[in-house]
N, C-alpha and C. Protein backbone atom coordinates (compact mmCIF):
# COMPACT_ATOMS: atom_id res chain seq x y z
N MET A 1 -10.31 15.72 -50.03
CA MET A 1 -9.62 14.81 -49.14
C MET A 1 -10.45 13.54 -49.02
N GLY A 2 -9.80 12.36 -49.15
CA GLY A 2 -10.52 11.11 -49.06
C GLY A 2 -10.82 10.75 -47.61
N ILE A 3 -11.65 9.71 -47.45
CA ILE A 3 -12.02 9.25 -46.10
C ILE A 3 -10.77 8.81 -45.33
N ARG A 4 -9.86 8.17 -46.04
CA ARG A 4 -8.64 7.69 -45.38
C ARG A 4 -7.84 8.86 -44.80
N ASN A 5 -7.70 9.95 -45.54
CA ASN A 5 -6.96 11.11 -45.05
C ASN A 5 -7.65 11.77 -43.86
N TRP A 6 -8.98 11.78 -43.88
CA TRP A 6 -9.72 12.36 -42.74
C TRP A 6 -9.46 11.55 -41.47
N GLY A 7 -9.36 10.23 -41.63
CA GLY A 7 -9.08 9.37 -40.47
C GLY A 7 -7.75 9.73 -39.83
N TRP A 8 -6.72 9.92 -40.66
CA TRP A 8 -5.40 10.28 -40.12
C TRP A 8 -5.43 11.66 -39.47
N LEU A 9 -6.22 12.56 -40.04
CA LEU A 9 -6.35 13.89 -39.46
C LEU A 9 -7.00 13.79 -38.08
N ALA A 10 -8.03 12.94 -37.96
CA ALA A 10 -8.70 12.75 -36.66
C ALA A 10 -7.72 12.18 -35.63
N VAL A 11 -6.91 11.19 -36.04
CA VAL A 11 -5.92 10.60 -35.14
C VAL A 11 -4.91 11.66 -34.71
N ALA A 12 -4.46 12.46 -35.66
CA ALA A 12 -3.48 13.52 -35.35
C ALA A 12 -4.06 14.51 -34.36
N LEU A 13 -5.33 14.87 -34.52
CA LEU A 13 -5.96 15.80 -33.60
C LEU A 13 -6.10 15.19 -32.21
N LEU A 14 -6.46 13.90 -32.15
CA LEU A 14 -6.59 13.25 -30.85
C LEU A 14 -5.25 13.16 -30.13
N VAL A 15 -4.20 12.84 -30.87
CA VAL A 15 -2.86 12.76 -30.28
C VAL A 15 -2.43 14.13 -29.77
N GLY A 16 -2.74 15.17 -30.53
CA GLY A 16 -2.36 16.54 -30.15
C GLY A 16 -3.12 17.04 -28.94
N CYS A 17 -4.25 16.44 -28.62
CA CYS A 17 -5.09 16.89 -27.51
C CYS A 17 -4.93 16.02 -26.28
N TYR A 18 -3.77 15.44 -26.09
CA TYR A 18 -3.55 14.53 -24.97
C TYR A 18 -3.60 15.28 -23.65
N THR A 19 -4.39 14.74 -22.71
CA THR A 19 -4.43 15.26 -21.35
C THR A 19 -4.25 14.07 -20.41
N PRO A 20 -3.20 14.07 -19.60
CA PRO A 20 -2.98 12.92 -18.72
C PRO A 20 -4.09 12.78 -17.67
N LYS A 21 -4.42 11.54 -17.37
CA LYS A 21 -5.43 11.27 -16.34
C LYS A 21 -4.72 10.87 -15.05
N GLY A 22 -5.38 11.09 -13.94
CA GLY A 22 -4.80 10.72 -12.65
C GLY A 22 -3.85 11.77 -12.12
N SER A 23 -3.43 11.56 -10.90
CA SER A 23 -2.53 12.53 -10.28
C SER A 23 -1.08 12.24 -10.66
N PHE A 24 -0.30 13.29 -10.73
CA PHE A 24 1.12 13.18 -11.06
C PHE A 24 1.83 14.45 -10.62
N VAL A 25 3.14 14.40 -10.63
CA VAL A 25 3.94 15.59 -10.39
C VAL A 25 4.90 15.72 -11.57
N ALA A 26 5.04 16.93 -12.09
CA ALA A 26 5.96 17.17 -13.20
C ALA A 26 7.39 16.99 -12.69
N VAL A 27 8.25 16.46 -13.55
CA VAL A 27 9.63 16.18 -13.12
C VAL A 27 10.31 17.45 -12.61
N ASP A 28 9.99 18.61 -13.18
CA ASP A 28 10.64 19.85 -12.74
C ASP A 28 10.19 20.26 -11.33
N GLU A 29 9.06 19.69 -10.87
CA GLU A 29 8.56 20.00 -9.53
C GLU A 29 8.89 18.89 -8.53
N TYR A 30 9.41 17.76 -9.03
CA TYR A 30 9.71 16.62 -8.16
C TYR A 30 11.04 16.84 -7.47
N ALA A 31 11.05 16.68 -6.17
CA ALA A 31 12.28 16.86 -5.39
C ALA A 31 12.97 15.51 -5.26
N GLN A 32 13.79 15.18 -6.25
CA GLN A 32 14.54 13.93 -6.17
C GLN A 32 15.61 14.10 -5.12
N ALA A 33 15.73 13.10 -4.27
CA ALA A 33 16.72 13.19 -3.21
C ALA A 33 18.10 13.38 -3.81
N ALA A 34 18.86 14.22 -3.18
CA ALA A 34 20.24 14.43 -3.62
C ALA A 34 20.98 13.11 -3.47
N ALA A 35 22.09 13.00 -4.18
CA ALA A 35 22.87 11.77 -4.10
C ALA A 35 23.17 11.47 -2.65
N THR A 36 22.68 10.35 -2.19
CA THR A 36 22.90 9.94 -0.82
C THR A 36 23.69 8.64 -0.83
N GLU A 37 23.95 8.13 0.34
CA GLU A 37 24.72 6.89 0.42
C GLU A 37 23.92 5.76 -0.24
N TYR A 38 24.63 4.89 -0.87
CA TYR A 38 24.06 3.75 -1.56
C TYR A 38 23.22 2.91 -0.59
N VAL A 39 22.07 2.43 -1.06
CA VAL A 39 21.21 1.56 -0.27
C VAL A 39 21.37 0.14 -0.79
N LEU A 40 21.68 -0.78 0.11
CA LEU A 40 21.91 -2.17 -0.27
C LEU A 40 20.62 -2.84 -0.73
N GLY A 41 20.77 -3.77 -1.67
CA GLY A 41 19.63 -4.50 -2.17
C GLY A 41 20.02 -5.91 -2.57
N VAL A 42 19.02 -6.70 -2.91
CA VAL A 42 19.23 -8.09 -3.31
C VAL A 42 20.20 -8.14 -4.50
N GLY A 43 21.21 -8.98 -4.40
CA GLY A 43 22.18 -9.14 -5.48
C GLY A 43 23.48 -8.38 -5.27
N ASP A 44 23.52 -7.46 -4.31
CA ASP A 44 24.76 -6.73 -4.03
C ASP A 44 25.77 -7.67 -3.38
N ALA A 45 27.03 -7.57 -3.79
CA ALA A 45 28.12 -8.30 -3.12
C ALA A 45 28.87 -7.30 -2.27
N ILE A 46 28.98 -7.60 -0.97
CA ILE A 46 29.62 -6.66 -0.05
C ILE A 46 30.79 -7.32 0.67
N SER A 47 31.74 -6.49 1.04
CA SER A 47 32.88 -6.93 1.84
C SER A 47 32.69 -6.36 3.24
N VAL A 48 32.61 -7.25 4.21
CA VAL A 48 32.45 -6.85 5.61
C VAL A 48 33.78 -7.07 6.31
N ARG A 49 34.39 -6.01 6.79
CA ARG A 49 35.69 -6.09 7.46
C ARG A 49 35.53 -5.69 8.92
N VAL A 50 35.99 -6.58 9.80
CA VAL A 50 36.01 -6.30 11.23
C VAL A 50 37.47 -6.04 11.59
N PHE A 51 37.76 -4.83 12.07
CA PHE A 51 39.13 -4.42 12.34
C PHE A 51 39.85 -5.41 13.25
N GLN A 52 41.00 -5.89 12.78
CA GLN A 52 41.87 -6.84 13.48
C GLN A 52 41.17 -8.16 13.81
N GLN A 53 40.18 -8.53 13.03
CA GLN A 53 39.46 -9.79 13.25
C GLN A 53 39.18 -10.43 11.89
N ASP A 54 40.23 -10.92 11.24
CA ASP A 54 40.08 -11.49 9.91
C ASP A 54 39.10 -12.66 9.87
N ALA A 55 39.04 -13.44 10.93
CA ALA A 55 38.13 -14.60 10.96
C ALA A 55 36.67 -14.18 10.94
N MET A 56 36.39 -12.96 11.37
CA MET A 56 35.01 -12.48 11.39
C MET A 56 34.67 -11.65 10.15
N SER A 57 35.66 -11.40 9.34
CA SER A 57 35.43 -10.64 8.11
C SER A 57 34.96 -11.60 7.02
N ALA A 58 34.22 -11.06 6.05
CA ALA A 58 33.70 -11.94 4.99
C ALA A 58 33.29 -11.12 3.77
N ARG A 59 33.22 -11.83 2.65
CA ARG A 59 32.62 -11.27 1.43
C ARG A 59 31.35 -12.04 1.20
N VAL A 60 30.22 -11.34 1.19
CA VAL A 60 28.92 -12.02 1.09
C VAL A 60 28.03 -11.31 0.07
N LYS A 61 27.02 -12.04 -0.38
CA LYS A 61 26.06 -11.49 -1.32
C LYS A 61 24.71 -11.37 -0.62
N VAL A 62 23.99 -10.28 -0.88
CA VAL A 62 22.66 -10.11 -0.30
C VAL A 62 21.72 -11.08 -1.03
N ARG A 63 21.17 -12.02 -0.27
CA ARG A 63 20.32 -13.06 -0.84
C ARG A 63 18.96 -12.52 -1.26
N ALA A 64 18.18 -13.37 -1.90
CA ALA A 64 16.85 -12.98 -2.40
C ALA A 64 15.93 -12.54 -1.27
N ASP A 65 16.17 -13.03 -0.05
CA ASP A 65 15.34 -12.62 1.09
C ASP A 65 15.86 -11.35 1.75
N GLY A 66 16.91 -10.72 1.16
CA GLY A 66 17.45 -9.47 1.68
C GLY A 66 18.41 -9.64 2.84
N VAL A 67 18.84 -10.86 3.10
CA VAL A 67 19.65 -11.18 4.28
C VAL A 67 21.06 -11.58 3.85
N VAL A 68 22.04 -11.34 4.75
CA VAL A 68 23.40 -11.85 4.58
C VAL A 68 23.72 -12.72 5.80
N THR A 69 24.57 -13.71 5.61
CA THR A 69 25.00 -14.56 6.71
C THR A 69 26.47 -14.28 6.99
N LEU A 70 26.76 -13.97 8.28
CA LEU A 70 28.11 -13.58 8.68
C LEU A 70 28.56 -14.40 9.88
N PRO A 71 29.88 -14.56 10.05
CA PRO A 71 30.39 -15.30 11.19
C PRO A 71 29.91 -14.70 12.52
N LEU A 72 29.56 -15.55 13.45
CA LEU A 72 29.10 -15.24 14.81
C LEU A 72 27.69 -14.64 14.88
N VAL A 73 27.35 -13.72 14.00
CA VAL A 73 26.03 -13.07 14.10
C VAL A 73 24.98 -13.76 13.23
N ASN A 74 25.40 -14.69 12.38
CA ASN A 74 24.51 -15.45 11.49
C ASN A 74 23.75 -14.55 10.53
N ASP A 75 22.42 -14.71 10.45
CA ASP A 75 21.63 -13.97 9.47
C ASP A 75 21.32 -12.55 9.95
N VAL A 76 21.57 -11.59 9.05
CA VAL A 76 21.30 -10.17 9.34
C VAL A 76 20.64 -9.57 8.12
N ALA A 77 19.53 -8.86 8.32
CA ALA A 77 18.85 -8.18 7.22
C ALA A 77 19.73 -7.05 6.71
N ALA A 78 19.98 -7.03 5.39
CA ALA A 78 20.85 -6.00 4.81
C ALA A 78 20.11 -5.13 3.80
N ALA A 79 19.19 -5.70 3.05
CA ALA A 79 18.49 -4.94 2.01
C ALA A 79 17.74 -3.76 2.61
N GLY A 80 17.86 -2.61 1.96
CA GLY A 80 17.18 -1.41 2.42
C GLY A 80 18.00 -0.58 3.39
N LYS A 81 19.18 -1.06 3.75
CA LYS A 81 20.05 -0.33 4.67
C LYS A 81 21.26 0.20 3.91
N THR A 82 21.83 1.28 4.40
CA THR A 82 23.07 1.78 3.82
C THR A 82 24.22 0.96 4.40
N PRO A 83 25.37 0.91 3.71
CA PRO A 83 26.52 0.21 4.28
C PRO A 83 26.89 0.73 5.67
N THR A 84 26.79 2.03 5.88
CA THR A 84 27.13 2.61 7.19
C THR A 84 26.17 2.13 8.27
N ALA A 85 24.87 2.13 7.96
CA ALA A 85 23.88 1.69 8.95
C ALA A 85 24.07 0.21 9.28
N LEU A 86 24.34 -0.60 8.27
CA LEU A 86 24.57 -2.03 8.51
C LEU A 86 25.83 -2.23 9.35
N ALA A 87 26.88 -1.47 9.07
CA ALA A 87 28.12 -1.58 9.85
C ALA A 87 27.87 -1.25 11.32
N ARG A 88 27.09 -0.18 11.61
CA ARG A 88 26.79 0.18 13.00
C ARG A 88 25.98 -0.92 13.68
N GLU A 89 25.04 -1.52 12.94
CA GLU A 89 24.23 -2.60 13.50
C GLU A 89 25.11 -3.81 13.84
N LEU A 90 26.04 -4.14 12.94
CA LEU A 90 26.94 -5.26 13.18
C LEU A 90 27.86 -5.00 14.37
N GLU A 91 28.31 -3.77 14.51
CA GLU A 91 29.13 -3.43 15.67
C GLU A 91 28.38 -3.71 16.96
N GLY A 92 27.10 -3.36 16.98
CA GLY A 92 26.27 -3.63 18.17
C GLY A 92 26.15 -5.12 18.44
N LYS A 93 25.98 -5.93 17.40
CA LYS A 93 25.84 -7.38 17.56
C LYS A 93 27.16 -8.04 17.96
N LEU A 94 28.27 -7.46 17.53
CA LEU A 94 29.59 -8.06 17.83
C LEU A 94 30.13 -7.68 19.21
N LYS A 95 29.47 -6.75 19.91
CA LYS A 95 29.95 -6.34 21.24
C LYS A 95 29.94 -7.50 22.24
N ASP A 96 29.12 -8.52 21.98
CA ASP A 96 29.10 -9.69 22.85
C ASP A 96 30.38 -10.52 22.70
N PHE A 97 31.10 -10.32 21.59
CA PHE A 97 32.26 -11.14 21.28
C PHE A 97 33.59 -10.37 21.27
N ILE A 98 33.52 -9.05 21.01
CA ILE A 98 34.73 -8.23 20.85
C ILE A 98 34.54 -6.92 21.62
N ASN A 99 35.60 -6.47 22.27
CA ASN A 99 35.56 -5.14 22.90
C ASN A 99 35.67 -4.09 21.81
N THR A 100 34.79 -3.15 21.79
CA THR A 100 34.74 -2.06 20.80
C THR A 100 35.05 -2.51 19.37
N PRO A 101 34.15 -3.27 18.76
CA PRO A 101 34.37 -3.69 17.37
C PRO A 101 34.24 -2.51 16.41
N VAL A 102 35.05 -2.55 15.37
CA VAL A 102 34.97 -1.54 14.31
C VAL A 102 34.72 -2.28 13.00
N VAL A 103 33.57 -1.99 12.39
CA VAL A 103 33.16 -2.68 11.17
C VAL A 103 33.11 -1.68 10.02
N THR A 104 33.66 -2.07 8.89
CA THR A 104 33.53 -1.28 7.66
C THR A 104 32.94 -2.18 6.58
N ILE A 105 32.09 -1.59 5.75
CA ILE A 105 31.44 -2.35 4.68
C ILE A 105 31.66 -1.62 3.37
N PHE A 106 32.10 -2.37 2.36
CA PHE A 106 32.29 -1.84 1.03
C PHE A 106 31.43 -2.63 0.06
N VAL A 107 30.82 -1.94 -0.89
CA VAL A 107 30.07 -2.62 -1.94
C VAL A 107 31.08 -3.00 -3.01
N GLU A 108 31.30 -4.29 -3.19
CA GLU A 108 32.26 -4.76 -4.18
C GLU A 108 31.64 -4.90 -5.56
N GLU A 109 30.38 -5.28 -5.58
CA GLU A 109 29.69 -5.46 -6.86
C GLU A 109 28.22 -5.09 -6.66
N SER A 110 27.77 -4.06 -7.34
CA SER A 110 26.38 -3.64 -7.16
C SER A 110 25.44 -4.46 -8.05
N ARG A 111 24.23 -4.58 -7.58
CA ARG A 111 23.20 -5.35 -8.29
C ARG A 111 22.86 -4.65 -9.59
N PRO A 112 22.32 -5.40 -10.56
CA PRO A 112 21.89 -4.74 -11.79
C PRO A 112 20.70 -3.82 -11.50
N ASN A 113 20.63 -2.73 -12.23
CA ASN A 113 19.53 -1.78 -12.09
C ASN A 113 18.42 -2.22 -13.04
N LEU A 114 17.43 -2.94 -12.51
CA LEU A 114 16.33 -3.45 -13.32
C LEU A 114 15.15 -2.48 -13.27
N VAL A 115 14.70 -2.06 -14.44
CA VAL A 115 13.60 -1.11 -14.56
C VAL A 115 12.59 -1.66 -15.55
N SER A 116 11.32 -1.60 -15.21
CA SER A 116 10.26 -2.02 -16.13
C SER A 116 9.90 -0.86 -17.03
N VAL A 117 9.73 -1.14 -18.33
CA VAL A 117 9.29 -0.12 -19.29
C VAL A 117 8.03 -0.67 -19.95
N LEU A 118 6.92 0.03 -19.78
CA LEU A 118 5.62 -0.46 -20.25
C LEU A 118 4.91 0.56 -21.12
N GLY A 119 3.88 0.10 -21.80
CA GLY A 119 3.04 1.00 -22.60
C GLY A 119 3.50 1.07 -24.04
N GLU A 120 3.44 2.26 -24.61
CA GLU A 120 3.69 2.48 -26.03
C GLU A 120 5.19 2.57 -26.37
N VAL A 121 5.88 1.45 -26.14
CA VAL A 121 7.27 1.31 -26.54
C VAL A 121 7.38 0.07 -27.42
N ALA A 122 8.43 -0.01 -28.22
CA ALA A 122 8.57 -1.11 -29.17
C ALA A 122 8.70 -2.47 -28.49
N ARG A 123 9.46 -2.53 -27.39
CA ARG A 123 9.67 -3.81 -26.69
C ARG A 123 9.43 -3.63 -25.19
N PRO A 124 8.17 -3.66 -24.76
CA PRO A 124 7.88 -3.52 -23.32
C PRO A 124 8.52 -4.67 -22.53
N GLY A 125 8.92 -4.38 -21.30
CA GLY A 125 9.49 -5.41 -20.45
C GLY A 125 10.47 -4.82 -19.46
N VAL A 126 11.28 -5.70 -18.88
CA VAL A 126 12.29 -5.28 -17.90
C VAL A 126 13.61 -5.07 -18.63
N VAL A 127 14.23 -3.92 -18.38
CA VAL A 127 15.52 -3.63 -18.99
C VAL A 127 16.57 -3.47 -17.89
N THR A 128 17.80 -3.82 -18.22
CA THR A 128 18.91 -3.66 -17.29
C THR A 128 19.69 -2.42 -17.69
N LEU A 129 19.84 -1.50 -16.75
CA LEU A 129 20.52 -0.24 -17.02
C LEU A 129 21.74 -0.08 -16.13
N GLU A 130 22.67 0.73 -16.58
CA GLU A 130 23.82 1.06 -15.75
C GLU A 130 23.40 2.04 -14.68
N ALA A 131 24.14 2.07 -13.59
CA ALA A 131 23.87 3.03 -12.52
C ALA A 131 23.93 4.44 -13.09
N GLY A 132 22.99 5.27 -12.71
CA GLY A 132 22.96 6.66 -13.17
C GLY A 132 22.20 6.87 -14.46
N ALA A 133 21.63 5.81 -15.04
CA ALA A 133 20.89 5.95 -16.29
C ALA A 133 19.57 6.67 -16.04
N GLY A 134 19.10 7.35 -17.08
CA GLY A 134 17.87 8.11 -16.97
C GLY A 134 16.75 7.52 -17.83
N VAL A 135 15.68 8.28 -17.94
CA VAL A 135 14.48 7.83 -18.65
C VAL A 135 14.78 7.61 -20.14
N LEU A 136 15.56 8.49 -20.74
CA LEU A 136 15.88 8.36 -22.16
C LEU A 136 16.61 7.04 -22.44
N GLN A 137 17.53 6.64 -21.56
CA GLN A 137 18.26 5.38 -21.74
C GLN A 137 17.31 4.19 -21.60
N ALA A 138 16.34 4.28 -20.69
CA ALA A 138 15.36 3.20 -20.52
C ALA A 138 14.49 3.07 -21.76
N LEU A 139 14.07 4.20 -22.31
CA LEU A 139 13.24 4.17 -23.52
C LEU A 139 14.03 3.59 -24.69
N ALA A 140 15.29 3.96 -24.79
CA ALA A 140 16.13 3.43 -25.87
C ALA A 140 16.30 1.92 -25.72
N ALA A 141 16.50 1.45 -24.49
CA ALA A 141 16.67 0.01 -24.24
C ALA A 141 15.40 -0.76 -24.58
N ALA A 142 14.25 -0.08 -24.52
CA ALA A 142 12.98 -0.72 -24.84
C ALA A 142 12.60 -0.51 -26.31
N GLY A 143 13.51 -0.02 -27.12
CA GLY A 143 13.27 0.11 -28.55
C GLY A 143 12.64 1.41 -28.99
N GLY A 144 12.47 2.36 -28.07
CA GLY A 144 11.90 3.66 -28.44
C GLY A 144 10.38 3.67 -28.40
N LEU A 145 9.82 4.83 -28.69
CA LEU A 145 8.37 5.03 -28.64
C LEU A 145 7.71 4.46 -29.90
N THR A 146 6.45 4.03 -29.75
CA THR A 146 5.68 3.60 -30.91
C THR A 146 5.04 4.82 -31.55
N ASP A 147 4.41 4.63 -32.71
CA ASP A 147 3.72 5.73 -33.40
C ASP A 147 2.52 6.22 -32.60
N PHE A 148 2.02 5.42 -31.68
CA PHE A 148 0.82 5.79 -30.92
C PHE A 148 1.13 6.42 -29.57
N ALA A 149 2.40 6.57 -29.26
CA ALA A 149 2.80 7.12 -27.97
C ALA A 149 2.46 8.60 -27.88
N HIS A 150 1.99 9.02 -26.71
CA HIS A 150 1.77 10.44 -26.43
C HIS A 150 3.09 10.99 -25.90
N LYS A 151 3.69 11.89 -26.63
CA LYS A 151 5.02 12.38 -26.25
C LYS A 151 5.01 13.23 -24.99
N ASP A 152 3.82 13.61 -24.52
CA ASP A 152 3.72 14.32 -23.24
C ASP A 152 3.23 13.38 -22.15
N GLY A 153 3.12 12.09 -22.47
CA GLY A 153 2.59 11.11 -21.53
C GLY A 153 3.61 10.07 -21.13
N ILE A 154 4.79 10.51 -20.69
CA ILE A 154 5.84 9.61 -20.24
C ILE A 154 5.94 9.78 -18.71
N PHE A 155 5.79 8.68 -18.00
CA PHE A 155 5.76 8.74 -16.54
C PHE A 155 6.73 7.75 -15.92
N VAL A 156 7.25 8.10 -14.74
CA VAL A 156 8.02 7.17 -13.92
C VAL A 156 7.20 6.94 -12.66
N LEU A 157 6.96 5.67 -12.36
CA LEU A 157 6.28 5.30 -11.12
C LEU A 157 7.35 4.87 -10.13
N ARG A 158 7.40 5.54 -8.99
CA ARG A 158 8.46 5.28 -8.01
C ARG A 158 7.89 5.14 -6.61
N LYS A 159 8.33 4.07 -5.94
CA LYS A 159 8.01 3.89 -4.53
C LYS A 159 9.32 3.96 -3.75
N THR A 160 9.29 4.66 -2.63
CA THR A 160 10.47 4.76 -1.78
C THR A 160 10.06 4.49 -0.34
N PRO A 161 11.02 4.21 0.54
CA PRO A 161 10.66 4.03 1.95
C PRO A 161 9.94 5.25 2.52
N LEU A 162 10.29 6.44 2.03
CA LEU A 162 9.64 7.67 2.52
C LEU A 162 8.28 7.88 1.87
N GLU A 163 8.07 7.28 0.68
CA GLU A 163 6.80 7.41 -0.04
C GLU A 163 6.32 6.03 -0.50
N PRO A 164 5.87 5.19 0.47
CA PRO A 164 5.47 3.83 0.10
C PRO A 164 4.28 3.79 -0.85
N ALA A 165 3.45 4.83 -0.84
CA ALA A 165 2.32 4.87 -1.77
C ALA A 165 2.80 5.15 -3.19
N GLY A 166 3.98 5.74 -3.30
CA GLY A 166 4.57 5.98 -4.61
C GLY A 166 4.24 7.34 -5.20
N LYS A 167 5.01 7.70 -6.20
CA LYS A 167 4.84 8.95 -6.95
C LYS A 167 4.73 8.61 -8.42
N ARG A 168 3.98 9.41 -9.14
CA ARG A 168 3.86 9.31 -10.60
C ARG A 168 4.46 10.60 -11.14
N ILE A 169 5.63 10.48 -11.77
CA ILE A 169 6.41 11.65 -12.20
C ILE A 169 6.31 11.77 -13.71
N ARG A 170 5.90 12.94 -14.19
CA ARG A 170 5.65 13.14 -15.62
C ARG A 170 6.84 13.78 -16.33
N PHE A 171 7.12 13.25 -17.53
CA PHE A 171 8.17 13.76 -18.41
C PHE A 171 7.57 14.07 -19.76
N THR A 172 8.20 14.97 -20.50
CA THR A 172 7.81 15.20 -21.89
C THR A 172 8.97 14.77 -22.78
N TRP A 173 8.63 14.29 -23.97
CA TRP A 173 9.65 13.86 -24.92
C TRP A 173 10.57 15.03 -25.29
N GLU A 174 9.99 16.21 -25.42
CA GLU A 174 10.80 17.37 -25.81
C GLU A 174 11.90 17.64 -24.80
N ALA A 175 11.54 17.65 -23.50
CA ALA A 175 12.55 17.91 -22.46
C ALA A 175 13.59 16.80 -22.42
N LEU A 176 13.15 15.54 -22.59
CA LEU A 176 14.09 14.42 -22.57
C LEU A 176 15.06 14.48 -23.74
N SER A 177 14.50 14.69 -24.94
CA SER A 177 15.34 14.65 -26.15
C SER A 177 16.27 15.86 -26.25
N ARG A 178 15.90 16.97 -25.64
CA ARG A 178 16.76 18.15 -25.65
C ARG A 178 17.72 18.19 -24.47
N GLY A 179 17.52 17.27 -23.53
CA GLY A 179 18.39 17.26 -22.35
C GLY A 179 18.20 18.47 -21.47
N GLU A 180 16.94 18.89 -21.33
CA GLU A 180 16.64 20.13 -20.60
C GLU A 180 16.17 19.85 -19.18
N GLY A 181 16.48 20.77 -18.28
CA GLY A 181 15.93 20.78 -16.93
C GLY A 181 16.20 19.51 -16.14
N LYS A 182 15.31 19.27 -15.18
CA LYS A 182 15.48 18.12 -14.31
C LYS A 182 15.30 16.81 -15.05
N ALA A 183 14.59 16.83 -16.17
CA ALA A 183 14.40 15.60 -16.95
C ALA A 183 15.74 15.00 -17.36
N ALA A 184 16.69 15.85 -17.69
CA ALA A 184 18.01 15.38 -18.14
C ALA A 184 18.84 14.85 -16.98
N ARG A 185 18.59 15.34 -15.78
CA ARG A 185 19.40 14.94 -14.62
C ARG A 185 18.75 13.84 -13.78
N PHE A 186 17.52 13.49 -14.09
CA PHE A 186 16.77 12.49 -13.32
C PHE A 186 17.39 11.11 -13.52
N THR A 187 17.68 10.43 -12.44
CA THR A 187 18.26 9.08 -12.55
C THR A 187 17.25 8.05 -12.05
N LEU A 188 17.17 6.96 -12.80
CA LEU A 188 16.26 5.88 -12.44
C LEU A 188 16.88 5.01 -11.35
N GLN A 189 16.01 4.44 -10.55
CA GLN A 189 16.43 3.54 -9.48
C GLN A 189 15.85 2.15 -9.76
N ALA A 190 16.48 1.13 -9.17
CA ALA A 190 15.96 -0.23 -9.31
C ALA A 190 14.51 -0.23 -8.81
N GLN A 191 13.69 -0.96 -9.50
CA GLN A 191 12.26 -1.11 -9.20
C GLN A 191 11.42 0.06 -9.70
N ASP A 192 12.00 1.07 -10.34
CA ASP A 192 11.18 2.11 -10.98
C ASP A 192 10.45 1.47 -12.17
N THR A 193 9.34 2.06 -12.55
CA THR A 193 8.61 1.63 -13.75
C THR A 193 8.41 2.86 -14.62
N VAL A 194 8.79 2.74 -15.90
CA VAL A 194 8.58 3.80 -16.88
C VAL A 194 7.35 3.40 -17.69
N VAL A 195 6.36 4.29 -17.76
CA VAL A 195 5.13 4.01 -18.50
C VAL A 195 4.95 5.08 -19.56
N VAL A 196 4.72 4.66 -20.80
CA VAL A 196 4.45 5.58 -21.90
C VAL A 196 3.01 5.39 -22.31
N GLU A 197 2.21 6.45 -22.19
CA GLU A 197 0.78 6.36 -22.55
C GLU A 197 0.57 6.68 -24.01
C-alpha cells in the first residue's frame, strides 16, 4: 500500500471514530412539543376582526419590531403570542371603547420559515423552508453533506421561550435517510440552526 492509500485509511478511521463534543440530547429522547397553536412572528400577515365593528377591524403585518398597529389601540406587541392570546389582550384594550368586545384573529399569510444550515454542507447559509419541513429538507436545500461530514454529527440548535438557553439535538444520517423514529417526524422552526460537524 502506498503512502497515499495509508492517508485515506487514516482519514477513514478518524471519520469512523467520531465522538460528539459538548452536551446534547438525542432526537429520540427530545420531547418536542406537540402541535400547538401557531405563534406569531415578524412577517406574519394577520386579519383582526372585531365583532360588529368593521371600522376597528384590520389586516396588518407584524413589523420587524414585533408590533402591529391597530385602530384605537395603536401599537401592540404581537410577536411571540398566539392568535388567541393576542385576541384576548385586544379585547381587554378595547373595553374602554366597546361593551364586551369580541376579537378573532386569523393568520392570512405566515412568515417564511428561515433556518440556518452550517458546517459540513455544500452551501452553508440561511434556507427558506415550507412549514412542517424537517432536517433532511434543510440539508437538501443546503446542497447536502460534504465528504468530510460526520454522519452521526448532525445537530439542531433550538431556543424556545421555555428553554432560552437552548437545546442541542442530535440526529444521525442513517435515521434521517431511512425516515426512522422521531428524526423523521421532527419539524424545524424559524430561527433553528442545523449544524453538521
